[in-house]
């Protein structure tokens, strides 16, 4: 076989993507063409740009939805998603701009300095649900291409089950995680910090 690594599962996935056997026939006859989709993100001057749109999914629904997609949701994250302070929206598009950790020196890469820089840029705190939406918008491959281990959503910190204030984040390894919302917390260089661009 020319493509030895190809499995029956791969073949079935391709057929499904083409719209079943009718789509396959159209593709083979030239009636249907396939093109590369545009990247959902881009980087300009060390700032990662992308957009997400909410659909009213509650925290409880996000837990199931993300796990069904293979995203790991730990207990701390679960408690934040179930918190009354997690307030979903519906039909709201958030234009996200995320600063790369390398923008800051080692000493300045703390939450206080990061939020101060966001204020200078005119950015706002995003809704916490942006972390969940990011898990669907960006793939682990996107995270590798961006060259970040984590993107921290700089929303208003929410208390987890142990009483500590936390921020939700998306990890390269297909997971959503809770990190400290403490303003003195020092972050790693491979983290990005997501804020919302004000909408007119």
Protein backbone atom coordinates (compact mmCIF):
# COMPACT_ATOMS: atom_id res chain seq x y z
CA UNK A 1 0.00 0.00 0.00
CA UNK A 2 1.34 3.43 -0.93
CA UNK A 3 0.36 5.02 2.41
CA UNK A 4 1.26 2.40 4.99
CA UNK A 5 0.30 4.53 7.99
CA UNK A 6 -3.27 5.03 6.70
CA UNK A 7 -5.92 3.22 8.75
CA UNK A 8 -9.59 2.44 8.12
CA UNK A 9 -10.39 5.09 10.73
CA UNK A 10 -8.52 7.70 8.69
CA UNK A 11 -10.42 6.72 5.55
CA UNK A 12 -13.76 6.95 7.34
CA UNK A 13 -12.84 10.38 8.78
CA UNK A 14 -11.96 11.68 5.30
CA UNK A 15 -15.24 10.37 3.85
CA UNK A 16 -17.16 12.05 6.69
CA UNK A 17 -15.32 15.35 6.12
CA UNK A 18 -16.25 15.22 2.43
CA UNK A 19 -19.93 14.73 3.27
CA UNK A 20 -20.25 10.97 2.81
CA UNK A 21 -20.01 8.97 -0.40
CA UNK A 22 -21.82 11.64 -2.39
CA UNK A 23 -19.08 14.09 -1.41
CA UNK A 24 -16.40 11.55 -2.37
CA UNK A 25 -17.93 11.15 -5.85
CA UNK A 26 -18.10 14.91 -6.30
CA UNK A 27 -14.48 15.27 -5.17
CA UNK A 28 -13.26 12.58 -7.58
CA UNK A 29 -15.22 14.11 -10.48
CA UNK A 30 -13.88 17.60 -9.77
CA UNK A 31 -17.24 19.06 -8.66
CA UNK A 32 -15.96 19.48 -5.12
CA UNK A 33 -12.63 21.09 -4.24
CA UNK A 34 -10.75 21.07 -0.95
CA UNK A 35 -8.70 24.03 0.25
CA UNK A 36 -6.65 24.73 3.35
CA UNK A 37 -8.56 26.63 6.01
CA UNK A 38 -7.12 29.89 7.26
CA UNK A 39 -5.42 29.82 10.63
CA UNK A 40 -7.77 30.95 13.43
CA UNK A 41 -4.95 33.05 14.91
CA UNK A 42 -1.99 35.22 13.96
CA UNK A 43 0.91 36.88 15.80
CA UNK A 44 1.96 40.50 15.39
CA UNK A 45 4.75 42.10 17.46
CA UNK A 46 4.58 39.42 20.14
CA UNK A 47 0.79 39.64 20.49
CA UNK A 48 -1.41 36.66 19.56
CA UNK A 49 -4.73 37.63 17.95
CA UNK A 50 -7.88 35.49 17.61
CA UNK A 51 -11.62 35.71 18.27
CA UNK A 52 -14.19 33.47 19.97
CA UNK A 53 -17.99 33.64 20.12
CA UNK A 54 -20.05 32.44 23.08
CA UNK A 55 -23.15 30.27 22.73
CA UNK A 56 -24.72 30.30 26.19
CA UNK A 57 -23.05 27.10 27.41
CA UNK A 58 -23.17 26.89 31.21
CA UNK A 59 -20.24 25.82 33.35
CA UNK A 60 -21.82 22.42 33.98
CA UNK A 61 -22.40 21.96 30.25
CA UNK A 62 -18.81 23.00 29.50
CA UNK A 63 -17.46 20.26 31.76
CA UNK A 64 -19.26 17.58 29.73
CA UNK A 65 -18.66 19.28 26.38
CA UNK A 66 -14.91 19.60 26.91
CA UNK A 67 -14.50 16.10 28.33
CA UNK A 68 -16.45 14.68 25.38
CA UNK A 69 -13.83 16.31 23.14
CA UNK A 70 -10.98 14.74 25.09
CA UNK A 71 -10.03 17.89 27.03
CA UNK A 72 -8.84 17.14 30.57
CA UNK A 73 -10.81 19.05 33.24
CA UNK A 74 -9.45 18.66 36.78
CA UNK A 75 -11.44 19.08 40.00
CA UNK A 76 -10.25 22.65 40.71
CA UNK A 77 -11.29 23.72 37.23
CA UNK A 78 -14.60 21.90 37.62
CA UNK A 79 -15.33 23.81 40.84
CA UNK A 80 -14.68 27.14 39.06
CA UNK A 81 -16.95 26.21 36.16
CA UNK A 82 -19.68 25.31 38.67
CA UNK A 83 -19.22 28.55 40.64
CA UNK A 84 -22.03 31.15 40.55
CA UNK A 85 -19.28 33.61 39.54
CA UNK A 86 -18.84 31.77 36.22
CA UNK A 87 -21.36 33.68 34.12
CA UNK A 88 -21.78 32.55 30.50
CA UNK A 89 -22.94 34.84 27.72
CA UNK A 90 -24.67 34.05 24.44
CA UNK A 91 -23.71 35.35 21.01
CA UNK A 92 -20.92 37.59 22.31
CA UNK A 93 -17.79 37.73 20.15
CA UNK A 94 -14.60 38.47 22.07
CA UNK A 95 -11.59 39.66 20.13
CA UNK A 96 -8.68 38.29 22.14
CA UNK A 97 -5.16 39.67 22.25
CA UNK A 98 -2.65 37.63 24.22
CA UNK A 99 0.77 38.85 25.28
CA UNK A 100 3.59 36.33 25.09
CA UNK A 101 5.48 35.77 28.32
CA UNK A 102 8.71 36.75 26.58
CA UNK A 103 7.37 40.33 26.43
CA UNK A 104 8.27 40.65 30.12
CA UNK A 105 11.56 40.25 31.96
CA UNK A 106 11.79 37.43 34.51
CA UNK A 107 11.27 39.89 37.39
CA UNK A 108 8.31 41.62 35.75
CA UNK A 109 6.41 38.52 34.64
CA UNK A 110 3.90 38.71 37.49
CA UNK A 111 0.16 39.29 37.44
CA UNK A 112 0.40 42.90 38.64
CA UNK A 113 2.79 43.93 35.84
CA UNK A 114 0.88 41.95 33.22
CA UNK A 115 -2.42 43.61 34.13
CA UNK A 116 -0.72 47.02 34.17
CA UNK A 117 0.56 46.45 30.63
CA UNK A 118 -2.92 45.40 29.52
CA UNK A 119 -4.29 48.64 30.93
CA UNK A 120 -1.67 50.61 28.98
CA UNK A 121 -2.78 48.76 25.84
CA UNK A 122 -6.42 49.59 26.55
CA UNK A 123 -7.45 45.95 26.93
CA UNK A 124 -10.15 44.64 29.26
CA UNK A 125 -10.69 41.59 31.44
CA UNK A 126 -12.35 38.86 29.35
CA UNK A 127 -15.18 36.64 30.55
CA UNK A 128 -13.89 33.43 32.15
CA UNK A 129 -15.76 31.40 29.50
CA UNK A 130 -13.12 32.52 26.99
CA UNK A 131 -10.87 29.76 28.40
CA UNK A 132 -13.45 27.13 27.40
CA UNK A 133 -14.01 28.69 23.99
CA UNK A 134 -10.23 28.75 23.41
CA UNK A 135 -10.09 24.99 23.93
CA UNK A 136 -12.32 24.63 20.86
CA UNK A 137 -10.76 27.46 18.86
CA UNK A 138 -7.10 26.50 19.26
CA UNK A 139 -5.73 22.99 18.84
CA UNK A 140 -2.67 21.49 20.57
CA UNK A 141 -0.96 21.89 17.18
CA UNK A 142 -1.82 25.61 17.20
CA UNK A 143 -0.31 25.92 20.68
CA UNK A 144 2.89 24.26 19.47
CA UNK A 145 3.04 26.61 16.48
CA UNK A 146 2.46 29.60 18.77
CA UNK A 147 5.21 28.11 20.97
CA UNK A 148 3.38 28.49 24.27
CA UNK A 149 2.68 25.90 26.95
CA UNK A 150 -0.28 27.83 28.39
CA UNK A 151 -2.56 30.74 27.59
CA UNK A 152 -3.89 32.28 30.80
CA UNK A 153 -7.23 34.06 30.55
CA UNK A 154 -6.90 37.21 32.66
CA UNK A 155 -10.53 37.33 33.81
CA UNK A 156 -11.74 38.41 37.24
CA UNK A 157 -10.32 35.64 39.50
CA UNK A 158 -12.87 33.06 40.69
CA UNK A 159 -12.71 31.05 43.91
CA UNK A 160 -12.15 27.31 43.54
CA UNK A 161 -13.38 24.69 46.02
CA UNK A 162 -10.37 25.27 48.31
CA UNK A 163 -11.21 28.98 48.63
CA UNK A 164 -8.27 30.30 46.59
CA UNK A 165 -8.74 32.76 43.72
CA UNK A 166 -7.88 31.30 40.34
CA UNK A 167 -7.62 32.06 36.63
CA UNK A 168 -8.62 29.57 33.94
CA UNK A 169 -6.09 28.65 31.30
CA UNK A 170 -5.70 26.44 28.25
CA UNK A 171 -2.73 24.09 28.07
CA UNK A 172 -0.86 22.73 25.08
CA UNK A 173 -1.58 19.16 26.21
CA UNK A 174 -5.33 19.48 25.53
CA UNK A 175 -6.43 20.53 29.00
CA UNK A 176 -8.08 23.40 30.85
CA UNK A 177 -6.50 24.29 34.16
CA UNK A 178 -6.84 26.65 37.13
CA UNK A 179 -3.84 28.82 38.04
CA UNK A 180 -3.34 31.22 40.92
CA UNK A 181 -5.05 34.58 40.57
CA UNK A 182 -2.66 36.11 43.13
CA UNK A 183 -1.33 39.44 41.84
CA UNK A 184 2.22 38.58 42.95
CA UNK A 185 2.26 35.22 41.13
CA UNK A 186 5.34 34.80 38.89
CA UNK A 187 4.62 33.21 35.50
CA UNK A 188 6.81 31.18 33.19
CA UNK A 189 8.15 32.52 29.90
CA UNK A 190 6.14 29.98 27.89
CA UNK A 191 2.83 31.41 29.12
CA UNK A 192 0.63 33.83 27.20
CA UNK A 193 -1.86 36.21 28.82
CA UNK A 194 -5.23 36.74 27.16
CA UNK A 195 -7.24 39.96 27.36
CA UNK A 196 -10.29 41.30 25.54
CA UNK A 197 -10.17 44.13 23.01
CA UNK A 198 -12.92 46.69 23.77
CA UNK A 199 -15.73 46.59 21.22
CA UNK A 200 -17.27 49.84 19.99
